[in-house]
Amino acid sequence: VLSANGRLGESNRILAKGMERGPEWWTFPFYIAFNHWFYEGDYEKGAEWAEKAARTPGASTNVSHLALSLRSKTGRPDDALGMLLEMRKTVQDETSAAAIDEQLKLATLERDAQALERAVATFRAAQGRNPFSLEELLVTGLVAAIPEDPFGGRYVWNVEDGKVHSSVNPFRFGLREGPRRPAGFHYGEEAP
């Protein structure tokens, strides 16, 4: 309620106090993560708090998916991969294991696609045009190999949207523009 009324700093302070003094609930850091990424557009802080929430006993695997998404949006999907690999070692039920395995594939796809997109940008800067295919990056030596698509397809360059995609799973993490400020937001308010 506080966040929706623009009182983000106050909301986050209360949630942080709950983490310090209350039970070990994953929802405390989850809501701090939500405030940072949803209202402030701060993917970095949102990812940090979402990772804390994901590591808290009893957290849904959806929370680790949020952490993956936010880390990918910061341009650092390797951090998400590390967190997911760590979590995968501790999972004890098949449903959670399957969910994390799927998230590992998405994190791998995002890591590979971002790396290939950086190579495409380098190619474009040097050649003055986009490559016709990712294989052109191999020929010019910008990449040593085209990584294996974790979904079993192959990576393809889509000149229309300027993104690398899996040929069998078109999902990519997208960025939205700017923060969502609730009505009555107090600009300059500090949050944990």
N, C-alpha and C. Protein backbone atom coordinates (compact mmCIF):
# COMPACT_ATOMS: atom_id res chain seq x y z
N VAL A 1 0.83 -1.19 0.00
CA VAL A 1 0.00 0.00 0.00
C VAL A 1 0.87 1.26 0.00
N LEU A 2 1.95 1.25 0.80
CA LEU A 2 2.83 2.42 0.84
C LEU A 2 3.46 2.67 -0.52
N SER A 3 3.95 1.61 -1.16
CA SER A 3 4.61 1.77 -2.46
C SER A 3 3.67 2.34 -3.50
N ALA A 4 2.46 1.82 -3.55
CA ALA A 4 1.48 2.27 -4.53
C ALA A 4 1.09 3.73 -4.30
N ASN A 5 1.34 4.23 -3.09
CA ASN A 5 1.04 5.63 -2.78
C ASN A 5 2.28 6.51 -2.84
N GLY A 6 3.34 5.99 -3.45
CA GLY A 6 4.53 6.80 -3.65
C GLY A 6 5.47 6.87 -2.47
N ARG A 7 5.28 6.05 -1.48
CA ARG A 7 6.12 6.09 -0.28
C ARG A 7 7.09 4.91 -0.30
N LEU A 8 7.92 4.87 -1.35
CA LEU A 8 8.82 3.74 -1.58
C LEU A 8 9.87 3.60 -0.48
N GLY A 9 10.49 4.69 -0.10
CA GLY A 9 11.52 4.63 0.95
C GLY A 9 10.97 4.08 2.24
N GLU A 10 9.82 4.57 2.63
CA GLU A 10 9.18 4.10 3.86
C GLU A 10 8.82 2.62 3.76
N SER A 11 8.29 2.23 2.62
CA SER A 11 7.94 0.83 2.39
C SER A 11 9.17 -0.07 2.51
N ASN A 12 10.25 0.32 1.85
CA ASN A 12 11.47 -0.48 1.87
C ASN A 12 12.08 -0.55 3.27
N ARG A 13 12.02 0.55 4.03
CA ARG A 13 12.55 0.53 5.40
C ARG A 13 11.76 -0.43 6.28
N ILE A 14 10.45 -0.45 6.13
CA ILE A 14 9.62 -1.36 6.92
C ILE A 14 9.91 -2.81 6.53
N LEU A 15 10.04 -3.07 5.24
CA LEU A 15 10.36 -4.42 4.78
C LEU A 15 11.74 -4.87 5.27
N ALA A 16 12.71 -3.97 5.22
CA ALA A 16 14.06 -4.30 5.71
C ALA A 16 14.03 -4.59 7.21
N LYS A 17 13.25 -3.83 7.94
CA LYS A 17 13.11 -4.07 9.38
C LYS A 17 12.48 -5.45 9.62
N GLY A 18 11.51 -5.82 8.79
CA GLY A 18 10.90 -7.15 8.89
C GLY A 18 11.93 -8.24 8.66
N MET A 19 12.85 -8.01 7.74
CA MET A 19 13.91 -9.00 7.47
C MET A 19 14.83 -9.13 8.68
N GLU A 20 15.12 -8.01 9.34
CA GLU A 20 16.02 -8.03 10.49
C GLU A 20 15.39 -8.65 11.72
N ARG A 21 14.13 -8.33 11.95
CA ARG A 21 13.51 -8.69 13.24
C ARG A 21 12.42 -9.76 13.15
N GLY A 22 11.93 -9.98 11.94
CA GLY A 22 10.81 -10.90 11.80
C GLY A 22 11.24 -12.29 11.37
N PRO A 23 10.28 -13.09 10.95
CA PRO A 23 10.61 -14.43 10.45
C PRO A 23 11.33 -14.34 9.10
N GLU A 24 11.97 -15.42 8.72
CA GLU A 24 12.71 -15.45 7.45
C GLU A 24 11.74 -15.73 6.31
N TRP A 25 11.06 -14.68 5.86
CA TRP A 25 10.10 -14.79 4.77
C TRP A 25 10.73 -14.25 3.50
N TRP A 26 10.55 -14.98 2.42
CA TRP A 26 11.08 -14.54 1.12
C TRP A 26 10.35 -13.31 0.60
N THR A 27 9.16 -13.06 1.11
CA THR A 27 8.36 -11.95 0.60
C THR A 27 8.94 -10.59 0.95
N PHE A 28 9.66 -10.48 2.08
CA PHE A 28 10.25 -9.19 2.43
C PHE A 28 11.22 -8.71 1.33
N PRO A 29 12.27 -9.49 1.01
CA PRO A 29 13.17 -9.01 -0.05
C PRO A 29 12.50 -8.97 -1.43
N PHE A 30 11.51 -9.82 -1.65
CA PHE A 30 10.80 -9.81 -2.93
C PHE A 30 10.11 -8.46 -3.16
N TYR A 31 9.43 -7.95 -2.14
CA TYR A 31 8.73 -6.68 -2.32
C TYR A 31 9.70 -5.51 -2.44
N ILE A 32 10.87 -5.60 -1.78
CA ILE A 32 11.89 -4.56 -1.98
C ILE A 32 12.38 -4.63 -3.43
N ALA A 33 12.60 -5.84 -3.94
CA ALA A 33 12.99 -6.01 -5.35
C ALA A 33 11.95 -5.39 -6.27
N PHE A 34 10.69 -5.67 -6.00
CA PHE A 34 9.59 -5.14 -6.81
C PHE A 34 9.61 -3.61 -6.82
N ASN A 35 9.78 -3.02 -5.65
CA ASN A 35 9.81 -1.55 -5.57
C ASN A 35 10.93 -0.98 -6.43
N HIS A 36 12.11 -1.61 -6.36
CA HIS A 36 13.25 -1.09 -7.12
C HIS A 36 13.04 -1.23 -8.63
N TRP A 37 12.65 -2.41 -9.10
CA TRP A 37 12.56 -2.55 -10.56
C TRP A 37 11.28 -2.00 -11.13
N PHE A 38 10.16 -2.18 -10.46
CA PHE A 38 8.88 -1.77 -11.04
C PHE A 38 8.68 -0.27 -10.95
N TYR A 39 8.85 0.29 -9.75
CA TYR A 39 8.59 1.71 -9.57
C TYR A 39 9.77 2.58 -9.95
N GLU A 40 11.00 2.12 -9.67
CA GLU A 40 12.16 2.96 -9.91
C GLU A 40 12.89 2.63 -11.20
N GLY A 41 12.59 1.48 -11.81
CA GLY A 41 13.29 1.09 -13.03
C GLY A 41 14.74 0.73 -12.79
N ASP A 42 15.09 0.39 -11.54
CA ASP A 42 16.47 0.06 -11.18
C ASP A 42 16.63 -1.46 -11.18
N TYR A 43 17.03 -2.00 -12.33
CA TYR A 43 17.16 -3.45 -12.48
C TYR A 43 18.27 -4.02 -11.61
N GLU A 44 19.33 -3.26 -11.42
CA GLU A 44 20.46 -3.74 -10.62
C GLU A 44 20.04 -4.01 -9.18
N LYS A 45 19.47 -3.00 -8.53
CA LYS A 45 19.02 -3.19 -7.14
C LYS A 45 17.90 -4.21 -7.08
N GLY A 46 17.00 -4.18 -8.05
CA GLY A 46 15.93 -5.17 -8.08
C GLY A 46 16.47 -6.58 -8.14
N ALA A 47 17.49 -6.78 -8.98
CA ALA A 47 18.10 -8.11 -9.11
C ALA A 47 18.75 -8.56 -7.80
N GLU A 48 19.45 -7.64 -7.13
CA GLU A 48 20.10 -7.99 -5.86
C GLU A 48 19.07 -8.48 -4.84
N TRP A 49 17.98 -7.75 -4.72
CA TRP A 49 16.95 -8.13 -3.75
C TRP A 49 16.19 -9.38 -4.19
N ALA A 50 15.96 -9.54 -5.49
CA ALA A 50 15.28 -10.74 -5.97
C ALA A 50 16.14 -11.97 -5.72
N GLU A 51 17.46 -11.85 -5.85
CA GLU A 51 18.34 -12.97 -5.54
C GLU A 51 18.28 -13.33 -4.07
N LYS A 52 18.22 -12.32 -3.19
CA LYS A 52 18.07 -12.59 -1.75
C LYS A 52 16.77 -13.33 -1.50
N ALA A 53 15.72 -12.88 -2.15
CA ALA A 53 14.41 -13.54 -1.97
C ALA A 53 14.45 -14.97 -2.48
N ALA A 54 15.08 -15.19 -3.65
CA ALA A 54 15.13 -16.52 -4.25
C ALA A 54 15.90 -17.51 -3.38
N ARG A 55 16.88 -17.02 -2.64
CA ARG A 55 17.70 -17.88 -1.78
C ARG A 55 17.07 -18.13 -0.42
N THR A 56 15.97 -17.47 -0.14
CA THR A 56 15.30 -17.64 1.15
C THR A 56 14.47 -18.92 1.13
N PRO A 57 14.57 -19.73 2.18
CA PRO A 57 13.79 -20.97 2.22
C PRO A 57 12.30 -20.73 1.98
N GLY A 58 11.73 -21.57 1.14
CA GLY A 58 10.31 -21.50 0.85
C GLY A 58 9.94 -20.62 -0.33
N ALA A 59 10.93 -19.95 -0.92
CA ALA A 59 10.64 -19.06 -2.05
C ALA A 59 10.21 -19.87 -3.27
N SER A 60 9.28 -19.35 -4.00
CA SER A 60 8.83 -19.94 -5.25
C SER A 60 9.94 -19.86 -6.29
N THR A 61 9.98 -20.82 -7.21
CA THR A 61 10.96 -20.74 -8.30
C THR A 61 10.66 -19.56 -9.22
N ASN A 62 9.47 -19.00 -9.14
CA ASN A 62 9.16 -17.80 -9.91
C ASN A 62 10.03 -16.62 -9.48
N VAL A 63 10.46 -16.63 -8.21
CA VAL A 63 11.31 -15.56 -7.72
C VAL A 63 12.69 -15.65 -8.37
N SER A 64 13.20 -16.86 -8.54
CA SER A 64 14.49 -16.99 -9.23
C SER A 64 14.35 -16.58 -10.69
N HIS A 65 13.18 -16.80 -11.27
CA HIS A 65 12.94 -16.35 -12.65
C HIS A 65 12.98 -14.82 -12.72
N LEU A 66 12.42 -14.16 -11.71
CA LEU A 66 12.47 -12.70 -11.66
C LEU A 66 13.93 -12.25 -11.55
N ALA A 67 14.70 -12.89 -10.68
CA ALA A 67 16.12 -12.53 -10.55
C ALA A 67 16.85 -12.71 -11.87
N LEU A 68 16.57 -13.80 -12.56
CA LEU A 68 17.17 -14.06 -13.88
C LEU A 68 16.80 -12.94 -14.85
N SER A 69 15.54 -12.60 -14.89
CA SER A 69 15.08 -11.55 -15.80
C SER A 69 15.77 -10.22 -15.52
N LEU A 70 15.83 -9.85 -14.25
CA LEU A 70 16.42 -8.57 -13.90
C LEU A 70 17.92 -8.55 -14.17
N ARG A 71 18.62 -9.63 -13.87
CA ARG A 71 20.06 -9.71 -14.15
C ARG A 71 20.30 -9.62 -15.66
N SER A 72 19.46 -10.28 -16.43
CA SER A 72 19.61 -10.22 -17.88
C SER A 72 19.42 -8.81 -18.39
N LYS A 73 18.50 -8.09 -17.79
CA LYS A 73 18.23 -6.72 -18.21
C LYS A 73 19.34 -5.76 -17.81
N THR A 74 20.18 -6.16 -16.85
CA THR A 74 21.33 -5.32 -16.49
C THR A 74 22.48 -5.59 -17.45
N GLY A 75 22.31 -6.58 -18.35
CA GLY A 75 23.38 -6.93 -19.28
C GLY A 75 24.35 -7.93 -18.69
N ARG A 76 23.96 -8.57 -17.57
CA ARG A 76 24.86 -9.53 -16.91
C ARG A 76 24.16 -10.86 -16.64
N PRO A 77 23.75 -11.56 -17.69
CA PRO A 77 23.08 -12.85 -17.48
C PRO A 77 24.00 -13.91 -16.85
N ASP A 78 25.32 -13.72 -16.93
CA ASP A 78 26.24 -14.66 -16.28
C ASP A 78 26.01 -14.70 -14.77
N ASP A 79 25.68 -13.54 -14.19
CA ASP A 79 25.39 -13.51 -12.76
C ASP A 79 24.16 -14.36 -12.45
N ALA A 80 23.15 -14.27 -13.31
CA ALA A 80 21.95 -15.08 -13.13
C ALA A 80 22.27 -16.56 -13.28
N LEU A 81 23.11 -16.89 -14.25
CA LEU A 81 23.50 -18.29 -14.44
C LEU A 81 24.16 -18.83 -13.17
N GLY A 82 25.06 -18.06 -12.59
CA GLY A 82 25.73 -18.49 -11.37
C GLY A 82 24.76 -18.74 -10.24
N MET A 83 23.81 -17.82 -10.06
CA MET A 83 22.82 -17.98 -9.00
C MET A 83 21.97 -19.22 -9.24
N LEU A 84 21.54 -19.43 -10.48
CA LEU A 84 20.69 -20.57 -10.80
C LEU A 84 21.45 -21.89 -10.63
N LEU A 85 22.71 -21.92 -11.03
CA LEU A 85 23.50 -23.14 -10.85
C LEU A 85 23.67 -23.47 -9.37
N GLU A 86 23.88 -22.43 -8.57
CA GLU A 86 24.00 -22.61 -7.12
C GLU A 86 22.68 -23.15 -6.55
N MET A 87 21.57 -22.56 -6.98
CA MET A 87 20.26 -23.00 -6.48
C MET A 87 19.95 -24.42 -6.93
N ARG A 88 20.36 -24.75 -8.15
CA ARG A 88 20.06 -26.08 -8.70
C ARG A 88 20.69 -27.18 -7.85
N LYS A 89 21.85 -26.91 -7.26
CA LYS A 89 22.54 -27.90 -6.42
C LYS A 89 21.76 -28.23 -5.15
N THR A 90 20.93 -27.30 -4.70
CA THR A 90 20.24 -27.50 -3.43
C THR A 90 18.79 -27.94 -3.57
N VAL A 91 18.27 -27.93 -4.79
CA VAL A 91 16.86 -28.29 -5.02
C VAL A 91 16.65 -29.78 -4.71
N GLN A 92 15.56 -30.06 -4.02
CA GLN A 92 15.30 -31.44 -3.62
C GLN A 92 14.06 -32.05 -4.26
N ASP A 93 13.25 -31.25 -4.94
CA ASP A 93 12.07 -31.82 -5.58
C ASP A 93 12.15 -31.63 -7.09
N GLU A 94 11.54 -32.55 -7.81
CA GLU A 94 11.63 -32.57 -9.28
C GLU A 94 10.95 -31.37 -9.94
N THR A 95 9.87 -30.88 -9.36
CA THR A 95 9.16 -29.74 -9.95
C THR A 95 10.05 -28.50 -9.93
N SER A 96 10.67 -28.23 -8.80
CA SER A 96 11.57 -27.08 -8.69
C SER A 96 12.79 -27.27 -9.58
N ALA A 97 13.32 -28.49 -9.62
CA ALA A 97 14.49 -28.78 -10.46
C ALA A 97 14.16 -28.50 -11.92
N ALA A 98 12.99 -28.93 -12.38
CA ALA A 98 12.60 -28.72 -13.77
C ALA A 98 12.44 -27.22 -14.07
N ALA A 99 11.87 -26.48 -13.11
CA ALA A 99 11.70 -25.04 -13.32
C ALA A 99 13.05 -24.34 -13.40
N ILE A 100 13.98 -24.71 -12.54
CA ILE A 100 15.30 -24.08 -12.57
C ILE A 100 16.06 -24.50 -13.83
N ASP A 101 15.91 -25.75 -14.26
CA ASP A 101 16.55 -26.18 -15.50
C ASP A 101 16.07 -25.34 -16.69
N GLU A 102 14.78 -25.04 -16.73
CA GLU A 102 14.24 -24.20 -17.80
C GLU A 102 14.81 -22.78 -17.71
N GLN A 103 14.93 -22.28 -16.49
CA GLN A 103 15.50 -20.95 -16.29
C GLN A 103 16.97 -20.91 -16.68
N LEU A 104 17.69 -22.01 -16.44
CA LEU A 104 19.09 -22.09 -16.86
C LEU A 104 19.20 -22.00 -18.38
N LYS A 105 18.26 -22.62 -19.08
CA LYS A 105 18.26 -22.52 -20.55
C LYS A 105 18.03 -21.08 -20.99
N LEU A 106 17.08 -20.40 -20.34
CA LEU A 106 16.80 -19.00 -20.69
C LEU A 106 18.00 -18.11 -20.40
N ALA A 107 18.67 -18.36 -19.28
CA ALA A 107 19.85 -17.56 -18.93
C ALA A 107 20.97 -17.81 -19.93
N THR A 108 21.14 -19.06 -20.35
CA THR A 108 22.16 -19.38 -21.34
C THR A 108 21.84 -18.72 -22.67
N LEU A 109 20.59 -18.80 -23.08
CA LEU A 109 20.16 -18.15 -24.32
C LEU A 109 20.45 -16.65 -24.25
N GLU A 110 20.10 -16.02 -23.15
CA GLU A 110 20.30 -14.58 -23.02
C GLU A 110 21.78 -14.22 -23.03
N ARG A 111 22.60 -14.99 -22.31
CA ARG A 111 24.04 -14.74 -22.29
C ARG A 111 24.62 -14.84 -23.71
N ASP A 112 24.29 -15.93 -24.39
CA ASP A 112 24.81 -16.15 -25.74
C ASP A 112 24.32 -15.08 -26.72
N ALA A 113 23.03 -14.77 -26.64
CA ALA A 113 22.46 -13.79 -27.57
C ALA A 113 23.08 -12.41 -27.35
N GLN A 114 23.27 -12.01 -26.10
CA GLN A 114 23.88 -10.71 -25.84
C GLN A 114 25.32 -10.67 -26.37
N ALA A 115 26.06 -11.76 -26.19
CA ALA A 115 27.44 -11.81 -26.69
C ALA A 115 27.46 -11.73 -28.22
N LEU A 116 26.55 -12.45 -28.87
CA LEU A 116 26.48 -12.40 -30.32
C LEU A 116 26.05 -11.02 -30.81
N GLU A 117 25.15 -10.38 -30.09
CA GLU A 117 24.71 -9.03 -30.47
C GLU A 117 25.85 -8.02 -30.33
N ARG A 118 26.71 -8.20 -29.33
CA ARG A 118 27.88 -7.33 -29.23
C ARG A 118 28.81 -7.55 -30.42
N ALA A 119 28.96 -8.80 -30.85
CA ALA A 119 29.79 -9.10 -32.02
C ALA A 119 29.17 -8.49 -33.28
N VAL A 120 27.85 -8.53 -33.39
CA VAL A 120 27.17 -7.91 -34.54
C VAL A 120 27.43 -6.41 -34.54
N ALA A 121 27.38 -5.77 -33.38
CA ALA A 121 27.63 -4.33 -33.29
C ALA A 121 29.07 -4.01 -33.73
N THR A 122 30.00 -4.85 -33.34
CA THR A 122 31.40 -4.67 -33.75
C THR A 122 31.52 -4.83 -35.26
N PHE A 123 30.85 -5.84 -35.80
CA PHE A 123 30.85 -6.07 -37.25
C PHE A 123 30.29 -4.84 -37.97
N ARG A 124 29.14 -4.34 -37.49
CA ARG A 124 28.48 -3.20 -38.12
C ARG A 124 29.39 -1.97 -38.10
N ALA A 125 30.10 -1.75 -36.97
CA ALA A 125 31.00 -0.60 -36.87
C ALA A 125 32.17 -0.73 -37.86
N ALA A 126 32.65 -1.95 -38.04
CA ALA A 126 33.81 -2.16 -38.92
C ALA A 126 33.42 -2.22 -40.40
N GLN A 127 32.26 -2.83 -40.70
CA GLN A 127 31.87 -3.07 -42.09
C GLN A 127 30.86 -2.06 -42.63
N GLY A 128 30.22 -1.31 -41.74
CA GLY A 128 29.22 -0.34 -42.19
C GLY A 128 27.90 -0.97 -42.59
N ARG A 129 27.68 -2.20 -42.20
CA ARG A 129 26.42 -2.90 -42.50
C ARG A 129 26.24 -4.03 -41.50
N ASN A 130 25.03 -4.55 -41.45
CA ASN A 130 24.76 -5.72 -40.62
C ASN A 130 25.26 -6.98 -41.32
N PRO A 131 25.60 -8.01 -40.56
CA PRO A 131 25.97 -9.27 -41.21
C PRO A 131 24.72 -9.91 -41.82
N PHE A 132 24.93 -10.68 -42.87
CA PHE A 132 23.80 -11.39 -43.49
C PHE A 132 23.35 -12.54 -42.61
N SER A 133 24.30 -13.11 -41.85
CA SER A 133 23.98 -14.20 -40.93
C SER A 133 25.05 -14.21 -39.84
N LEU A 134 24.81 -14.97 -38.79
CA LEU A 134 25.79 -15.07 -37.71
C LEU A 134 27.07 -15.74 -38.18
N GLU A 135 26.98 -16.58 -39.19
CA GLU A 135 28.16 -17.27 -39.70
C GLU A 135 29.20 -16.27 -40.22
N GLU A 136 28.73 -15.11 -40.65
CA GLU A 136 29.65 -14.08 -41.12
C GLU A 136 30.56 -13.60 -39.98
N LEU A 137 30.08 -13.70 -38.75
CA LEU A 137 30.89 -13.34 -37.59
C LEU A 137 32.05 -14.32 -37.41
N LEU A 138 31.82 -15.56 -37.78
CA LEU A 138 32.87 -16.59 -37.73
C LEU A 138 33.95 -16.28 -38.76
N VAL A 139 33.52 -16.00 -39.97
CA VAL A 139 34.45 -15.76 -41.08
C VAL A 139 35.36 -14.58 -40.78
N THR A 140 34.81 -13.55 -40.15
CA THR A 140 35.60 -12.35 -39.85
C THR A 140 36.39 -12.49 -38.55
N GLY A 141 36.20 -13.59 -37.84
CA GLY A 141 36.95 -13.83 -36.61
C GLY A 141 36.42 -13.11 -35.38
N LEU A 142 35.23 -12.55 -35.48
CA LEU A 142 34.65 -11.85 -34.32
C LEU A 142 34.17 -12.81 -33.24
N VAL A 143 33.85 -14.03 -33.62
CA VAL A 143 33.53 -15.08 -32.65
C VAL A 143 34.26 -16.34 -33.06
N ALA A 144 34.65 -17.12 -32.06
CA ALA A 144 35.36 -18.38 -32.34
C ALA A 144 34.39 -19.47 -32.77
N ALA A 145 33.15 -19.38 -32.29
CA ALA A 145 32.13 -20.37 -32.62
C ALA A 145 30.76 -19.78 -32.31
N ILE A 146 29.76 -20.29 -32.99
CA ILE A 146 28.38 -19.93 -32.66
C ILE A 146 27.97 -20.91 -31.57
N PRO A 147 27.59 -20.41 -30.38
CA PRO A 147 27.25 -21.32 -29.29
C PRO A 147 26.06 -22.23 -29.65
N GLU A 148 25.96 -23.32 -28.94
CA GLU A 148 24.86 -24.25 -29.12
C GLU A 148 23.61 -23.67 -28.46
N ASP A 149 22.50 -23.66 -29.16
CA ASP A 149 21.23 -23.18 -28.62
C ASP A 149 20.76 -24.15 -27.54
N PRO A 150 20.53 -23.68 -26.31
CA PRO A 150 20.13 -24.58 -25.23
C PRO A 150 18.75 -25.22 -25.45
N PHE A 151 17.97 -24.70 -26.39
CA PHE A 151 16.66 -25.26 -26.67
C PHE A 151 16.67 -26.23 -27.84
N GLY A 152 17.86 -26.50 -28.38
CA GLY A 152 17.99 -27.50 -29.44
C GLY A 152 17.88 -26.97 -30.84
N GLY A 153 17.67 -25.69 -31.00
CA GLY A 153 17.61 -25.10 -32.34
C GLY A 153 18.96 -24.51 -32.70
N ARG A 154 18.92 -23.35 -33.31
CA ARG A 154 20.15 -22.64 -33.63
C ARG A 154 19.89 -21.16 -33.43
N TYR A 155 20.96 -20.41 -33.22
CA TYR A 155 20.82 -18.97 -33.07
C TYR A 155 20.72 -18.32 -34.44
N VAL A 156 19.81 -17.35 -34.55
CA VAL A 156 19.63 -16.62 -35.81
C VAL A 156 19.61 -15.12 -35.53
N TRP A 157 20.15 -14.35 -36.47
CA TRP A 157 20.16 -12.90 -36.39
C TRP A 157 18.93 -12.37 -37.10
N ASN A 158 18.13 -11.57 -36.39
CA ASN A 158 16.94 -10.97 -36.97
C ASN A 158 17.23 -9.50 -37.21
N VAL A 159 17.46 -9.14 -38.45
CA VAL A 159 17.82 -7.77 -38.79
C VAL A 159 16.68 -6.80 -38.48
N GLU A 160 15.43 -7.28 -38.50
CA GLU A 160 14.29 -6.40 -38.27
C GLU A 160 14.25 -5.84 -36.86
N ASP A 161 14.50 -6.69 -35.85
CA ASP A 161 14.48 -6.19 -34.47
C ASP A 161 15.88 -6.01 -33.89
N GLY A 162 16.91 -6.36 -34.67
CA GLY A 162 18.28 -6.18 -34.22
C GLY A 162 18.68 -7.10 -33.08
N LYS A 163 18.05 -8.25 -33.03
CA LYS A 163 18.30 -9.19 -31.93
C LYS A 163 18.66 -10.56 -32.47
N VAL A 164 19.36 -11.31 -31.62
CA VAL A 164 19.64 -12.72 -31.88
C VAL A 164 18.57 -13.50 -31.16
N HIS A 165 18.03 -14.51 -31.84
CA HIS A 165 16.97 -15.35 -31.26
C HIS A 165 17.31 -16.82 -31.45
N SER A 166 16.66 -17.64 -30.65
CA SER A 166 16.69 -19.08 -30.86
C SER A 166 15.70 -19.38 -31.98
N SER A 167 16.04 -20.33 -32.84
CA SER A 167 15.12 -20.69 -33.92
C SER A 167 13.89 -21.44 -33.41
N VAL A 168 13.95 -21.96 -32.18
CA VAL A 168 12.82 -22.73 -31.64
C VAL A 168 12.17 -22.07 -30.42
N ASN A 169 12.83 -21.10 -29.80
CA ASN A 169 12.25 -20.40 -28.66
C ASN A 169 12.52 -18.91 -28.84
N PRO A 170 11.52 -18.15 -29.27
CA PRO A 170 11.74 -16.75 -29.59
C PRO A 170 11.87 -15.83 -28.37
N PHE A 171 11.72 -16.36 -27.15
CA PHE A 171 11.71 -15.52 -25.96
C PHE A 171 13.04 -14.81 -25.75
N ARG A 172 12.96 -13.52 -25.42
CA ARG A 172 14.11 -12.73 -24.98
C ARG A 172 13.61 -11.79 -23.90
N PHE A 173 14.46 -11.48 -22.97
CA PHE A 173 14.11 -10.52 -21.93
C PHE A 173 14.13 -9.14 -22.54
N GLY A 174 13.07 -8.38 -22.36
CA GLY A 174 12.98 -7.05 -22.93
C GLY A 174 13.09 -5.98 -21.87
N LEU A 175 13.50 -4.80 -22.28
CA LEU A 175 13.59 -3.66 -21.38
C LEU A 175 12.38 -2.77 -21.60
N ARG A 176 11.94 -2.16 -20.53
CA ARG A 176 10.90 -1.14 -20.67
C ARG A 176 11.56 0.19 -20.41
N GLU A 177 10.95 1.23 -20.89
CA GLU A 177 11.53 2.56 -20.76
C GLU A 177 11.14 3.20 -19.44
N GLY A 178 12.12 3.59 -18.66
CA GLY A 178 11.93 4.40 -17.47
C GLY A 178 11.16 3.76 -16.33
N PRO A 179 11.24 4.39 -15.17
CA PRO A 179 10.53 3.90 -14.00
C PRO A 179 9.04 4.21 -14.06
N ARG A 180 8.28 3.49 -13.27
CA ARG A 180 6.84 3.77 -13.12
C ARG A 180 6.68 4.47 -11.78
N ARG A 181 6.41 5.71 -11.82
CA ARG A 181 6.26 6.46 -10.58
C ARG A 181 4.80 6.45 -10.15
N PRO A 182 4.53 5.96 -8.94
CA PRO A 182 3.15 5.98 -8.46
C PRO A 182 2.72 7.42 -8.16
N ALA A 183 1.42 7.63 -8.14
CA ALA A 183 0.90 8.95 -7.82
C ALA A 183 1.40 9.34 -6.44
N GLY A 184 1.83 10.57 -6.30
CA GLY A 184 2.29 11.05 -5.00
C GLY A 184 3.71 10.64 -4.66
N PHE A 185 4.48 10.13 -5.61
CA PHE A 185 5.86 9.72 -5.33
C PHE A 185 6.66 10.90 -4.86
N HIS A 186 7.45 10.67 -3.83
CA HIS A 186 8.28 11.73 -3.26
C HIS A 186 9.67 11.61 -3.88
N TYR A 187 9.96 12.40 -4.89
CA TYR A 187 11.23 12.34 -5.58
C TYR A 187 12.38 12.65 -4.62
N GLY A 188 13.48 11.93 -4.81
CA GLY A 188 14.64 12.10 -3.96
C GLY A 188 14.59 11.26 -2.70
N GLU A 189 13.51 10.53 -2.52
CA GLU A 189 13.37 9.67 -1.34
C GLU A 189 14.37 8.52 -1.43
N GLU A 190 15.09 8.29 -0.37
CA GLU A 190 16.08 7.20 -0.33
C GLU A 190 15.40 5.88 0.01
N ALA A 191 15.93 4.80 -0.52
CA ALA A 191 15.42 3.47 -0.24
C ALA A 191 16.61 2.55 0.00
N PRO A 192 16.41 1.46 0.80
CA PRO A 192 17.54 0.55 1.05
C PRO A 192 17.99 -0.15 -0.21
